[in-house]
Amino acid sequence: NADDAVKNNLILEKVAFMALNSVLLNPNLKPLPEYVLNKHHNRKHGPDAYYGQKKK
C-alpha cells in the first residue's frame, strides 16, 4: 500500500545517506566480504533460516 511504500522509501533514503557519508568520511572503504552478506541473507531466507517470520 502507499503508506508502506513511503515508509520503505524513507528507510532507503536514510540508508543511502549513511552509506554516502561513510564513503565521504573514508574513501578507502571496501564493500563487505561476500560471506558476511550471505550470512545475513541466509539467516532469514536460507534453508536453515532462524531469524524473522516463521514459514507458513
PDB file of N, CA and C in Angstrom:
ATOM      1  N   ASN A   1       0.832  -1.190   0.000  1.00  0.00           N
ATOM      2  CA  ASN A   1       0.000   0.000   0.000  1.00  0.00           C
ATOM      3  C   ASN A   1       0.876   1.253   0.000  1.00  0.00           C
ATOM      4  N   ALA A   2       0.258   2.384  -0.142  1.00  0.00           N
ATOM      5  CA  ALA A   2       1.011   3.637  -0.290  1.00  0.00           C
ATOM      6  C   ALA A   2       1.789   4.002   0.972  1.00  0.00           C
ATOM      7  N   ASP A   3       1.203   3.759   2.133  1.00  0.00           N
ATOM      8  CA  ASP A   3       1.904   4.091   3.381  1.00  0.00           C
ATOM      9  C   ASP A   3       3.185   3.281   3.531  1.00  0.00           C
ATOM     10  N   ASP A   4       3.113   1.998   3.202  1.00  0.00           N
ATOM     11  CA  ASP A   4       4.309   1.149   3.275  1.00  0.00           C
ATOM     12  C   ASP A   4       5.356   1.595   2.265  1.00  0.00           C
ATOM     13  N   ALA A   5       4.914   2.011   1.080  1.00  0.00           N
ATOM     14  CA  ALA A   5       5.854   2.473   0.060  1.00  0.00           C
ATOM     15  C   ALA A   5       6.597   3.720   0.535  1.00  0.00           C
ATOM     16  N   VAL A   6       5.883   4.635   1.162  1.00  0.00           N
ATOM     17  CA  VAL A   6       6.516   5.852   1.683  1.00  0.00           C
ATOM     18  C   VAL A   6       7.499   5.494   2.791  1.00  0.00           C
ATOM     19  N   LYS A   7       7.079   4.615   3.702  1.00  0.00           N
ATOM     20  CA  LYS A   7       7.955   4.193   4.798  1.00  0.00           C
ATOM     21  C   LYS A   7       9.222   3.534   4.257  1.00  0.00           C
ATOM     22  N   ASN A   8       9.067   2.624   3.295  1.00  0.00           N
ATOM     23  CA  ASN A   8      10.227   1.947   2.710  1.00  0.00           C
ATOM     24  C   ASN A   8      11.147   2.930   2.010  1.00  0.00           C
ATOM     25  N   ASN A   9      10.580   3.920   1.340  1.00  0.00           N
ATOM     26  CA  ASN A   9      11.394   4.922   0.666  1.00  0.00           C
ATOM     27  C   ASN A   9      12.197   5.752   1.669  1.00  0.00           C
ATOM     28  N   LEU A  10      11.577   6.129   2.775  1.00  0.00           N
ATOM     29  CA  LEU A  10      12.289   6.906   3.794  1.00  0.00           C
ATOM     30  C   LEU A  10      13.447   6.100   4.386  1.00  0.00           C
ATOM     31  N   ILE A  11      13.210   4.824   4.616  1.00  0.00           N
ATOM     32  CA  ILE A  11      14.273   3.963   5.141  1.00  0.00           C
ATOM     33  C   ILE A  11      15.401   3.844   4.122  1.00  0.00           C
ATOM     34  N   LEU A  12      15.055   3.620   2.861  1.00  0.00           N
ATOM     35  CA  LEU A  12      16.066   3.502   1.811  1.00  0.00           C
ATOM     36  C   LEU A  12      16.889   4.779   1.691  1.00  0.00           C
ATOM     37  N   GLU A  13      16.241   5.924   1.745  1.00  0.00           N
ATOM     38  CA  GLU A  13      16.969   7.191   1.665  1.00  0.00           C
ATOM     39  C   GLU A  13      17.911   7.370   2.851  1.00  0.00           C
ATOM     40  N   LYS A  14      17.492   6.964   4.035  1.00  0.00           N
ATOM     41  CA  LYS A  14      18.342   7.081   5.227  1.00  0.00           C
ATOM     42  C   LYS A  14      19.566   6.175   5.096  1.00  0.00           C
ATOM     43  N   VAL A  15      19.358   4.950   4.623  1.00  0.00           N
ATOM     44  CA  VAL A  15      20.477   4.021   4.435  1.00  0.00           C
ATOM     45  C   VAL A  15      21.442   4.563   3.382  1.00  0.00           C
ATOM     46  N   ALA A  16      20.908   5.093   2.285  1.00  0.00           N
ATOM     47  CA  ALA A  16      21.762   5.665   1.241  1.00  0.00           C
ATOM     48  C   ALA A  16      22.545   6.864   1.774  1.00  0.00           C
ATOM     49  N   PHE A  17      21.911   7.686   2.591  1.00  0.00           N
ATOM     50  CA  PHE A  17      22.573   8.841   3.199  1.00  0.00           C
ATOM     51  C   PHE A  17      23.739   8.389   4.082  1.00  0.00           C
ATOM     52  N   MET A  18      23.496   7.354   4.891  1.00  0.00           N
ATOM     53  CA  MET A  18      24.560   6.845   5.770  1.00  0.00           C
ATOM     54  C   MET A  18      25.699   6.247   4.947  1.00  0.00           C
ATOM     55  N   ALA A  19      25.364   5.530   3.875  1.00  0.00           N
ATOM     56  CA  ALA A  19      26.399   4.930   3.033  1.00  0.00           C
ATOM     57  C   ALA A  19      27.244   6.011   2.362  1.00  0.00           C
ATOM     58  N   LEU A  20      26.597   7.027   1.838  1.00  0.00           N
ATOM     59  CA  LEU A  20      27.330   8.122   1.198  1.00  0.00           C
ATOM     60  C   LEU A  20      28.255   8.809   2.193  1.00  0.00           C
ATOM     61  N   ASN A  21      27.758   9.100   3.374  1.00  0.00           N
ATOM     62  CA  ASN A  21      28.593   9.767   4.371  1.00  0.00           C
ATOM     63  C   ASN A  21      29.735   8.883   4.842  1.00  0.00           C
ATOM     64  N   SER A  22      29.524   7.586   4.893  1.00  0.00           N
ATOM     65  CA  SER A  22      30.612   6.669   5.254  1.00  0.00           C
ATOM     66  C   SER A  22      31.739   6.759   4.235  1.00  0.00           C
ATOM     67  N   VAL A  23      31.378   6.786   2.957  1.00  0.00           N
ATOM     68  CA  VAL A  23      32.393   6.865   1.898  1.00  0.00           C
ATOM     69  C   VAL A  23      33.059   8.239   1.894  1.00  0.00           C
ATOM     70  N   LEU A  24      32.304   9.280   2.179  1.00  0.00           N
ATOM     71  CA  LEU A  24      32.900  10.619   2.228  1.00  0.00           C
ATOM     72  C   LEU A  24      33.890  10.737   3.385  1.00  0.00           C
ATOM     73  N   LEU A  25      33.575  10.101   4.512  1.00  0.00           N
ATOM     74  CA  LEU A  25      34.487  10.130   5.658  1.00  0.00           C
ATOM     75  C   LEU A  25      35.725   9.274   5.423  1.00  0.00           C
ATOM     76  N   ASN A  26      35.552   8.165   4.712  1.00  0.00           N
ATOM     77  CA  ASN A  26      36.669   7.253   4.457  1.00  0.00           C
ATOM     78  C   ASN A  26      36.567   6.717   3.031  1.00  0.00           C
ATOM     79  N   PRO A  27      37.189   7.406   2.064  1.00  0.00           N
ATOM     80  CA  PRO A  27      37.104   6.989   0.664  1.00  0.00           C
ATOM     81  C   PRO A  27      37.724   5.613   0.399  1.00  0.00           C
ATOM     82  N   ASN A  28      38.484   5.087   1.348  1.00  0.00           N
ATOM     83  CA  ASN A  28      39.127   3.783   1.152  1.00  0.00           C
ATOM     84  C   ASN A  28      38.275   2.617   1.638  1.00  0.00           C
ATOM     85  N   LEU A  29      37.025   2.893   2.010  1.00  0.00           N
ATOM     86  CA  LEU A  29      36.151   1.805   2.462  1.00  0.00           C
ATOM     87  C   LEU A  29      35.985   0.769   1.359  1.00  0.00           C
ATOM     88  N   LYS A  30      35.940  -0.472   1.756  1.00  0.00           N
ATOM     89  CA  LYS A  30      35.742  -1.569   0.810  1.00  0.00           C
ATOM     90  C   LYS A  30      34.373  -2.193   1.077  1.00  0.00           C
ATOM     91  N   PRO A  31      33.785  -2.818   0.067  1.00  0.00           N
ATOM     92  CA  PRO A  31      32.500  -3.495   0.282  1.00  0.00           C
ATOM     93  C   PRO A  31      32.650  -4.627   1.297  1.00  0.00           C
ATOM     94  N   LEU A  32      31.529  -4.993   1.909  1.00  0.00           N
ATOM     95  CA  LEU A  32      31.545  -6.127   2.833  1.00  0.00           C
ATOM     96  C   LEU A  32      31.956  -7.391   2.091  1.00  0.00           C
ATOM     97  N   PRO A  33      32.690  -8.270   2.753  1.00  0.00           N
ATOM     98  CA  PRO A  33      33.002  -9.555   2.128  1.00  0.00           C
ATOM     99  C   PRO A  33      31.702 -10.330   1.850  1.00  0.00           C
ATOM    100  N   GLU A  34      31.720 -11.125   0.807  1.00  0.00           N
ATOM    101  CA  GLU A  34      30.506 -11.836   0.410  1.00  0.00           C
ATOM    102  C   GLU A  34      30.002 -12.781   1.494  1.00  0.00           C
ATOM    103  N   TYR A  35      30.917 -13.359   2.289  1.00  0.00           N
ATOM    104  CA  TYR A  35      30.458 -14.285   3.326  1.00  0.00           C
ATOM    105  C   TYR A  35      29.602 -13.570   4.374  1.00  0.00           C
ATOM    106  N   VAL A  36      29.865 -12.283   4.616  1.00  0.00           N
ATOM    107  CA  VAL A  36      29.055 -11.529   5.576  1.00  0.00           C
ATOM    108  C   VAL A  36      27.661 -11.290   4.996  1.00  0.00           C
ATOM    109  N   LEU A  37      27.613 -10.902   3.728  1.00  0.00           N
ATOM    110  CA  LEU A  37      26.321 -10.693   3.078  1.00  0.00           C
ATOM    111  C   LEU A  37      25.517 -11.987   3.064  1.00  0.00           C
ATOM    112  N   ASN A  38      26.180 -13.095   2.727  1.00  0.00           N
ATOM    113  CA  ASN A  38      25.487 -14.385   2.682  1.00  0.00           C
ATOM    114  C   ASN A  38      24.965 -14.783   4.053  1.00  0.00           C
ATOM    115  N   LYS A  39      25.760 -14.565   5.085  1.00  0.00           N
ATOM    116  CA  LYS A  39      25.329 -14.930   6.442  1.00  0.00           C
ATOM    117  C   LYS A  39      24.041 -14.206   6.809  1.00  0.00           C
ATOM    118  N   HIS A  40      24.011 -12.899   6.566  1.00  0.00           N
ATOM    119  CA  HIS A  40      22.843 -12.119   6.960  1.00  0.00           C
ATOM    120  C   HIS A  40      21.639 -12.417   6.071  1.00  0.00           C
ATOM    121  N   HIS A  41      21.875 -12.740   4.815  1.00  0.00           N
ATOM    122  CA  HIS A  41      20.759 -13.108   3.938  1.00  0.00           C
ATOM    123  C   HIS A  41      20.219 -14.481   4.318  1.00  0.00           C
ATOM    124  N   ASN A  42      21.118 -15.437   4.519  1.00  0.00           N
ATOM    125  CA  ASN A  42      20.689 -16.812   4.766  1.00  0.00           C
ATOM    126  C   ASN A  42      20.049 -17.011   6.131  1.00  0.00           C
ATOM    127  N   ARG A  43      20.381 -16.173   7.100  1.00  0.00           N
ATOM    128  CA  ARG A  43      19.777 -16.376   8.417  1.00  0.00           C
ATOM    129  C   ARG A  43      18.280 -16.108   8.389  1.00  0.00           C
ATOM    130  N   LYS A  44      17.825 -15.361   7.400  1.00  0.00           N
ATOM    131  CA  LYS A  44      16.389 -15.113   7.277  1.00  0.00           C
ATOM    132  C   LYS A  44      15.774 -15.837   6.083  1.00  0.00           C
ATOM    133  N   HIS A  45      16.551 -16.016   5.010  1.00  0.00           N
ATOM    134  CA  HIS A  45      15.984 -16.546   3.775  1.00  0.00           C
ATOM    135  C   HIS A  45      16.566 -17.890   3.351  1.00  0.00           C
ATOM    136  N   GLY A  46      17.594 -18.368   4.032  1.00  0.00           N
ATOM    137  CA  GLY A  46      18.247 -19.609   3.636  1.00  0.00           C
ATOM    138  C   GLY A  46      17.471 -20.842   4.068  1.00  0.00           C
ATOM    139  N   PRO A  47      17.970 -22.009   3.679  1.00  0.00           N
ATOM    140  CA  PRO A  47      17.273 -23.263   4.008  1.00  0.00           C
ATOM    141  C   PRO A  47      17.191 -23.526   5.513  1.00  0.00           C
ATOM    142  N   ASP A  48      18.129 -23.026   6.281  1.00  0.00           N
ATOM    143  CA  ASP A  48      18.118 -23.206   7.737  1.00  0.00           C
ATOM    144  C   ASP A  48      17.843 -21.884   8.452  1.00  0.00           C
ATOM    145  N   ALA A  49      16.926 -21.100   7.895  1.00  0.00           N
ATOM    146  CA  ALA A  49      16.621 -19.770   8.436  1.00  0.00           C
ATOM    147  C   ALA A  49      16.240 -19.857   9.907  1.00  0.00           C
ATOM    148  N   TYR A  50      16.747 -18.913  10.679  1.00  0.00           N
ATOM    149  CA  TYR A  50      16.456 -18.896  12.111  1.00  0.00           C
ATOM    150  C   TYR A  50      16.075 -17.501  12.595  1.00  0.00           C
ATOM    151  N   TYR A  51      15.881 -16.571  11.701  1.00  0.00           N
ATOM    152  CA  TYR A  51      15.575 -15.197  12.083  1.00  0.00           C
ATOM    153  C   TYR A  51      14.432 -14.708  11.212  1.00  0.00           C
ATOM    154  N   GLY A  52      13.535 -13.956  11.785  1.00  0.00           N
ATOM    155  CA  GLY A  52      12.437 -13.398  11.006  1.00  0.00           C
ATOM    156  C   GLY A  52      11.171 -14.201  11.196  1.00  0.00           C
ATOM    157  N   GLN A  53      10.276 -14.037  10.275  1.00  0.00           N
ATOM    158  CA  GLN A  53       8.983 -14.689  10.400  1.00  0.00           C
ATOM    159  C   GLN A  53       9.086 -16.182  10.130  1.00  0.00           C
ATOM    160  N   LYS A  54       8.254 -16.915  10.825  1.00  0.00           N
ATOM    161  CA  LYS A  54       8.207 -18.365  10.641  1.00  0.00           C
ATOM    162  C   LYS A  54       7.570 -18.692   9.295  1.00  0.00           C
ATOM    163  N   LYS A  55       8.018 -19.788   8.713  1.00  0.00           N
ATOM    164  CA  LYS A  55       7.414 -20.237   7.456  1.00  0.00           C
ATOM    165  C   LYS A  55       6.007 -20.744   7.733  1.00  0.00           C
ATOM    166  N   LYS A  56       5.119 -20.500   6.791  1.00  0.00           N
ATOM    167  CA  LYS A  56       3.715 -20.922   6.958  1.00  0.00           C
ATOM    168  C   LYS A  56       3.514 -22.319   6.427  1.00  0.00           C
TER     169      LYS A  56
END
